[in-house]
Amino acid sequence: MVRTKRLYLYPCTKELVNKIKKRTNYPLGQHIKHYVNLVESDPSSLGWGAWFVIKKDDKKVIGDMGFIDKPDHEGVVEIGCNILPDAQSKGYATEATQVLIKWAFASKKVNRIIAICDLTNTPSFRVLEKVGMRRYLVRGSMVYWEITSSSFIKR
């Protein structure tokens, strides 16, 4: 678990997913189910997949985010974020993304974090810019972003 001023972020585990299923109507996507199965078969994957984003004040699950997979052989990992519509535009995505970037670089397994989003997704652009990521490629309708451990340390 990692925390911010307003949020708790928990890596998804089978036990946590079961609690969330019982207590909330949070939509559990296929990526969460896939990740939980992966952690069951490879415990070293814990943290390198989906994390639940939970507000501290009311313990409400407001989203999930995390990494697509473990860092590759070059220390690159992809990050993504999904915040429920009623929790958007409140800074939660920025806060959660910032702390997971910090967590990934602190692991010493990551040198570079990338993100990919649709060219029309300007709210995600703002989040990625706020956390220090920079555009490095536009291919078709997709924009590719990155931050390196050295540029993150300088912030």
C-alpha atoms as a PDB file:
ATOM      1  CA  MET A   1       0.000   0.000   0.000  1.00  0.00           C
ATOM      2  CA  VAL A   2       1.078   3.552  -0.718  1.00  0.00           C
ATOM      3  CA  ARG A   3      -0.663   6.692   0.406  1.00  0.00           C
ATOM      4  CA  THR A   4      -0.999  10.309  -0.558  1.00  0.00           C
ATOM      5  CA  LYS A   5      -2.573  13.231   1.250  1.00  0.00           C
ATOM      6  CA  ARG A   6      -6.079  12.097   0.196  1.00  0.00           C
ATOM      7  CA  LEU A   7      -5.729   8.554  -1.131  1.00  0.00           C
ATOM      8  CA  TYR A   8      -4.716   4.999  -0.388  1.00  0.00           C
ATOM      9  CA  LEU A   9      -3.480   2.838  -3.254  1.00  0.00           C
ATOM     10  CA  TYR A  10      -3.509  -0.923  -2.793  1.00  0.00           C
ATOM     11  CA  PRO A  11      -2.131  -3.443  -5.276  1.00  0.00           C
ATOM     12  CA  CYS A  12      -4.910  -5.815  -6.285  1.00  0.00           C
ATOM     13  CA  THR A  13      -4.920  -9.173  -4.575  1.00  0.00           C
ATOM     14  CA  LYS A  14      -7.552 -11.886  -4.657  1.00  0.00           C
ATOM     15  CA  GLU A  15      -8.583 -11.066  -1.080  1.00  0.00           C
ATOM     16  CA  LEU A  16      -8.931  -7.340  -1.799  1.00  0.00           C
ATOM     17  CA  VAL A  17     -10.896  -7.945  -4.998  1.00  0.00           C
ATOM     18  CA  ASN A  18     -13.296 -10.209  -3.081  1.00  0.00           C
ATOM     19  CA  LYS A  19     -13.812  -7.518  -0.405  1.00  0.00           C
ATOM     20  CA  ILE A  20     -14.470  -4.879  -3.052  1.00  0.00           C
ATOM     21  CA  LYS A  21     -16.946  -7.168  -4.846  1.00  0.00           C
ATOM     22  CA  LYS A  22     -18.881  -7.669  -1.589  1.00  0.00           C
ATOM     23  CA  ARG A  23     -18.854  -4.049  -0.403  1.00  0.00           C
ATOM     24  CA  THR A  24     -19.084  -1.932  -3.561  1.00  0.00           C
ATOM     25  CA  ASN A  25     -20.401  -1.915  -7.077  1.00  0.00           C
ATOM     26  CA  TYR A  26     -17.019  -0.897  -8.490  1.00  0.00           C
ATOM     27  CA  PRO A  27     -16.725  -2.251 -12.056  1.00  0.00           C
ATOM     28  CA  LEU A  28     -13.948  -4.845 -12.045  1.00  0.00           C
ATOM     29  CA  GLY A  29     -12.479  -4.910 -15.535  1.00  0.00           C
ATOM     30  CA  GLN A  30     -10.825  -7.862 -17.215  1.00  0.00           C
ATOM     31  CA  HIS A  31      -7.413  -6.309 -16.547  1.00  0.00           C
ATOM     32  CA  ILE A  32      -7.993  -6.684 -12.793  1.00  0.00           C
ATOM     33  CA  LYS A  33      -9.062 -10.320 -13.095  1.00  0.00           C
ATOM     34  CA  HIS A  34      -6.083 -11.050 -15.341  1.00  0.00           C
ATOM     35  CA  TYR A  35      -3.677  -9.398 -12.907  1.00  0.00           C
ATOM     36  CA  VAL A  36      -5.056 -11.228  -9.856  1.00  0.00           C
ATOM     37  CA  ASN A  37      -4.582 -14.550 -11.691  1.00  0.00           C
ATOM     38  CA  LEU A  38      -1.049 -13.519 -12.638  1.00  0.00           C
ATOM     39  CA  VAL A  39      -0.143 -12.694  -9.009  1.00  0.00           C
ATOM     40  CA  GLU A  40      -1.542 -16.077  -7.927  1.00  0.00           C
ATOM     41  CA  SER A  41       0.825 -17.846 -10.342  1.00  0.00           C
ATOM     42  CA  ASP A  42       3.742 -15.391  -9.986  1.00  0.00           C
ATOM     43  CA  PRO A  43       3.834 -13.579  -6.625  1.00  0.00           C
ATOM     44  CA  SER A  44       6.761 -11.439  -7.837  1.00  0.00           C
ATOM     45  CA  SER A  45       4.213  -9.651 -10.057  1.00  0.00           C
ATOM     46  CA  LEU A  46       2.599  -8.004  -7.031  1.00  0.00           C
ATOM     47  CA  GLY A  47       2.614  -4.258  -7.593  1.00  0.00           C
ATOM     48  CA  TRP A  48       3.308  -4.522 -11.318  1.00  0.00           C
ATOM     49  CA  GLY A  49      -0.329  -4.450 -12.362  1.00  0.00           C
ATOM     50  CA  ALA A  50      -3.592  -2.967 -11.136  1.00  0.00           C
ATOM     51  CA  TRP A  51      -3.890  -0.928  -7.933  1.00  0.00           C
ATOM     52  CA  PHE A  52      -7.162   0.260  -6.412  1.00  0.00           C
ATOM     53  CA  VAL A  53      -7.442   3.984  -5.715  1.00  0.00           C
ATOM     54  CA  ILE A  54      -9.400   4.573  -2.486  1.00  0.00           C
ATOM     55  CA  LYS A  55     -10.302   7.911  -0.912  1.00  0.00           C
ATOM     56  CA  LYS A  56      -9.063   8.204   2.679  1.00  0.00           C
ATOM     57  CA  ASP A  57     -12.030  10.194   3.976  1.00  0.00           C
ATOM     58  CA  ASP A  58     -14.867   7.838   3.001  1.00  0.00           C
ATOM     59  CA  LYS A  59     -12.979   4.666   1.929  1.00  0.00           C
ATOM     60  CA  LYS A  60     -14.721   4.770  -1.476  1.00  0.00           C
ATOM     61  CA  VAL A  61     -13.010   3.063  -4.432  1.00  0.00           C
ATOM     62  CA  ILE A  62     -12.718   5.807  -7.047  1.00  0.00           C
ATOM     63  CA  GLY A  63     -10.591   4.071  -9.643  1.00  0.00           C
ATOM     64  CA  ASP A  64      -7.849   1.702 -10.542  1.00  0.00           C
ATOM     65  CA  MET A  65      -4.518   2.304 -12.114  1.00  0.00           C
ATOM     66  CA  GLY A  66      -1.108   0.796 -12.340  1.00  0.00           C
ATOM     67  CA  PHE A  67       1.290  -0.907 -14.648  1.00  0.00           C
ATOM     68  CA  ILE A  68       0.718  -3.083 -17.691  1.00  0.00           C
ATOM     69  CA  ASP A  69       3.379  -5.593 -16.615  1.00  0.00           C
ATOM     70  CA  LYS A  70       6.698  -5.921 -14.817  1.00  0.00           C
ATOM     71  CA  PRO A  71       9.519  -3.709 -16.071  1.00  0.00           C
ATOM     72  CA  ASP A  72      11.116  -5.100 -19.205  1.00  0.00           C
ATOM     73  CA  HIS A  73      14.829  -5.957 -19.584  1.00  0.00           C
ATOM     74  CA  GLU A  74      15.613  -2.259 -20.167  1.00  0.00           C
ATOM     75  CA  GLY A  75      13.746  -1.123 -17.044  1.00  0.00           C
ATOM     76  CA  VAL A  76      10.736   0.261 -18.935  1.00  0.00           C
ATOM     77  CA  VAL A  77       7.194  -0.055 -17.627  1.00  0.00           C
ATOM     78  CA  GLU A  78       3.883   1.328 -18.905  1.00  0.00           C
ATOM     79  CA  ILE A  79       1.452   3.099 -16.557  1.00  0.00           C
ATOM     80  CA  GLY A  80      -2.275   3.684 -16.993  1.00  0.00           C
ATOM     81  CA  CYS A  81      -5.083   5.228 -14.966  1.00  0.00           C
ATOM     82  CA  ASN A  82      -8.866   4.883 -14.719  1.00  0.00           C
ATOM     83  CA  ILE A  83     -10.784   7.201 -12.381  1.00  0.00           C
ATOM     84  CA  LEU A  84     -14.581   6.990 -12.121  1.00  0.00           C
ATOM     85  CA  PRO A  85     -16.404   9.919 -13.771  1.00  0.00           C
ATOM     86  CA  ASP A  86     -17.767  11.372 -10.515  1.00  0.00           C
ATOM     87  CA  ALA A  87     -14.225  11.510  -9.082  1.00  0.00           C
ATOM     88  CA  GLN A  88     -12.615  13.148 -12.127  1.00  0.00           C
ATOM     89  CA  SER A  89     -11.374  16.756 -12.250  1.00  0.00           C
ATOM     90  CA  LYS A  90     -10.473  16.723  -8.555  1.00  0.00           C
ATOM     91  CA  GLY A  91      -6.741  15.991  -8.859  1.00  0.00           C
ATOM     92  CA  TYR A  92      -7.016  12.343  -7.801  1.00  0.00           C
ATOM     93  CA  ALA A  93      -5.491  10.986 -11.024  1.00  0.00           C
ATOM     94  CA  THR A  94      -2.506  13.310 -10.726  1.00  0.00           C
ATOM     95  CA  GLU A  95      -2.004  12.474  -7.052  1.00  0.00           C
ATOM     96  CA  ALA A  96      -2.241   8.709  -7.648  1.00  0.00           C
ATOM     97  CA  THR A  97      -0.067   8.725 -10.773  1.00  0.00           C
ATOM     98  CA  GLN A  98       2.628  10.749  -9.008  1.00  0.00           C
ATOM     99  CA  VAL A  99       2.867   8.317  -6.085  1.00  0.00           C
ATOM    100  CA  LEU A 100       2.983   5.231  -8.331  1.00  0.00           C
ATOM    101  CA  ILE A 101       5.731   6.794 -10.438  1.00  0.00           C
ATOM    102  CA  LYS A 102       7.672   7.429  -7.234  1.00  0.00           C
ATOM    103  CA  TRP A 103       6.994   3.825  -6.091  1.00  0.00           C
ATOM    104  CA  ALA A 104       8.219   2.390  -9.421  1.00  0.00           C
ATOM    105  CA  PHE A 105      11.447   4.413  -9.460  1.00  0.00           C
ATOM    106  CA  ALA A 106      12.099   3.580  -5.795  1.00  0.00           C
ATOM    107  CA  SER A 107      12.017  -0.122  -6.715  1.00  0.00           C
ATOM    108  CA  LYS A 108      15.313   0.385  -8.590  1.00  0.00           C
ATOM    109  CA  LYS A 109      13.908  -1.894 -11.325  1.00  0.00           C
ATOM    110  CA  VAL A 110      12.599   0.998 -13.436  1.00  0.00           C
ATOM    111  CA  ASN A 111      14.548   3.537 -15.495  1.00  0.00           C
ATOM    112  CA  ARG A 112      11.704   4.816 -17.667  1.00  0.00           C
ATOM    113  CA  ILE A 113       7.919   4.928 -17.405  1.00  0.00           C
ATOM    114  CA  ILE A 114       5.745   5.351 -20.480  1.00  0.00           C
ATOM    115  CA  ALA A 115       2.071   6.087 -21.023  1.00  0.00           C
ATOM    116  CA  ILE A 116      -0.035   5.914 -24.160  1.00  0.00           C
ATOM    117  CA  CYS A 117      -3.287   7.770 -24.663  1.00  0.00           C
ATOM    118  CA  ASP A 118      -5.647   8.825 -27.407  1.00  0.00           C
ATOM    119  CA  LEU A 119      -4.948  12.144 -29.132  1.00  0.00           C
ATOM    120  CA  THR A 120      -8.356  13.455 -28.024  1.00  0.00           C
ATOM    121  CA  ASN A 121      -7.870  12.608 -24.333  1.00  0.00           C
ATOM    122  CA  THR A 122      -6.866  16.073 -23.124  1.00  0.00           C
ATOM    123  CA  PRO A 123      -7.670  15.380 -19.436  1.00  0.00           C
ATOM    124  CA  SER A 124      -5.043  12.604 -19.477  1.00  0.00           C
ATOM    125  CA  PHE A 125      -2.595  14.971 -21.190  1.00  0.00           C
ATOM    126  CA  ARG A 126      -2.952  17.397 -18.271  1.00  0.00           C
ATOM    127  CA  VAL A 127      -2.336  14.636 -15.723  1.00  0.00           C
ATOM    128  CA  LEU A 128       0.733  13.358 -17.557  1.00  0.00           C
ATOM    129  CA  GLU A 129       2.157  16.871 -17.909  1.00  0.00           C
ATOM    130  CA  LYS A 130       1.567  17.622 -14.207  1.00  0.00           C
ATOM    131  CA  VAL A 131       3.498  14.527 -13.126  1.00  0.00           C
ATOM    132  CA  GLY A 132       6.437  15.495 -15.339  1.00  0.00           C
ATOM    133  CA  MET A 133       5.945  13.214 -18.303  1.00  0.00           C
ATOM    134  CA  ARG A 134       6.747  14.514 -21.774  1.00  0.00           C
ATOM    135  CA  ARG A 135       5.448  13.597 -25.195  1.00  0.00           C
ATOM    136  CA  TYR A 136       7.936  11.742 -27.287  1.00  0.00           C
ATOM    137  CA  LEU A 137       5.871  10.348 -30.170  1.00  0.00           C
ATOM    138  CA  VAL A 138       2.548  10.751 -31.941  1.00  0.00           C
ATOM    139  CA  ARG A 139       1.566   7.768 -34.062  1.00  0.00           C
ATOM    140  CA  GLY A 140      -1.835   7.885 -35.713  1.00  0.00           C
ATOM    141  CA  SER A 141      -4.348   8.795 -33.031  1.00  0.00           C
ATOM    142  CA  MET A 142      -2.081   7.801 -30.122  1.00  0.00           C
ATOM    143  CA  VAL A 143       0.292   9.983 -28.113  1.00  0.00           C
ATOM    144  CA  TYR A 144       3.254   8.394 -26.318  1.00  0.00           C
ATOM    145  CA  TRP A 145       4.599   9.900 -23.096  1.00  0.00           C
ATOM    146  CA  GLU A 146       7.639   9.185 -20.936  1.00  0.00           C
ATOM    147  CA  ILE A 147       9.478  10.087 -17.777  1.00  0.00           C
ATOM    148  CA  THR A 148      12.908   8.818 -16.824  1.00  0.00           C
ATOM    149  CA  SER A 149      14.250   8.229 -13.347  1.00  0.00           C
ATOM    150  CA  SER A 150      16.856  10.985 -13.842  1.00  0.00           C
ATOM    151  CA  SER A 151      14.249  13.575 -14.907  1.00  0.00           C
ATOM    152  CA  PHE A 152      11.953  12.533 -12.038  1.00  0.00           C
ATOM    153  CA  ILE A 153      14.715  13.036  -9.463  1.00  0.00           C
ATOM    154  CA  LYS A 154      15.351  16.561 -10.795  1.00  0.00           C
ATOM    155  CA  ARG A 155      11.738  17.620 -10.143  1.00  0.00           C
END
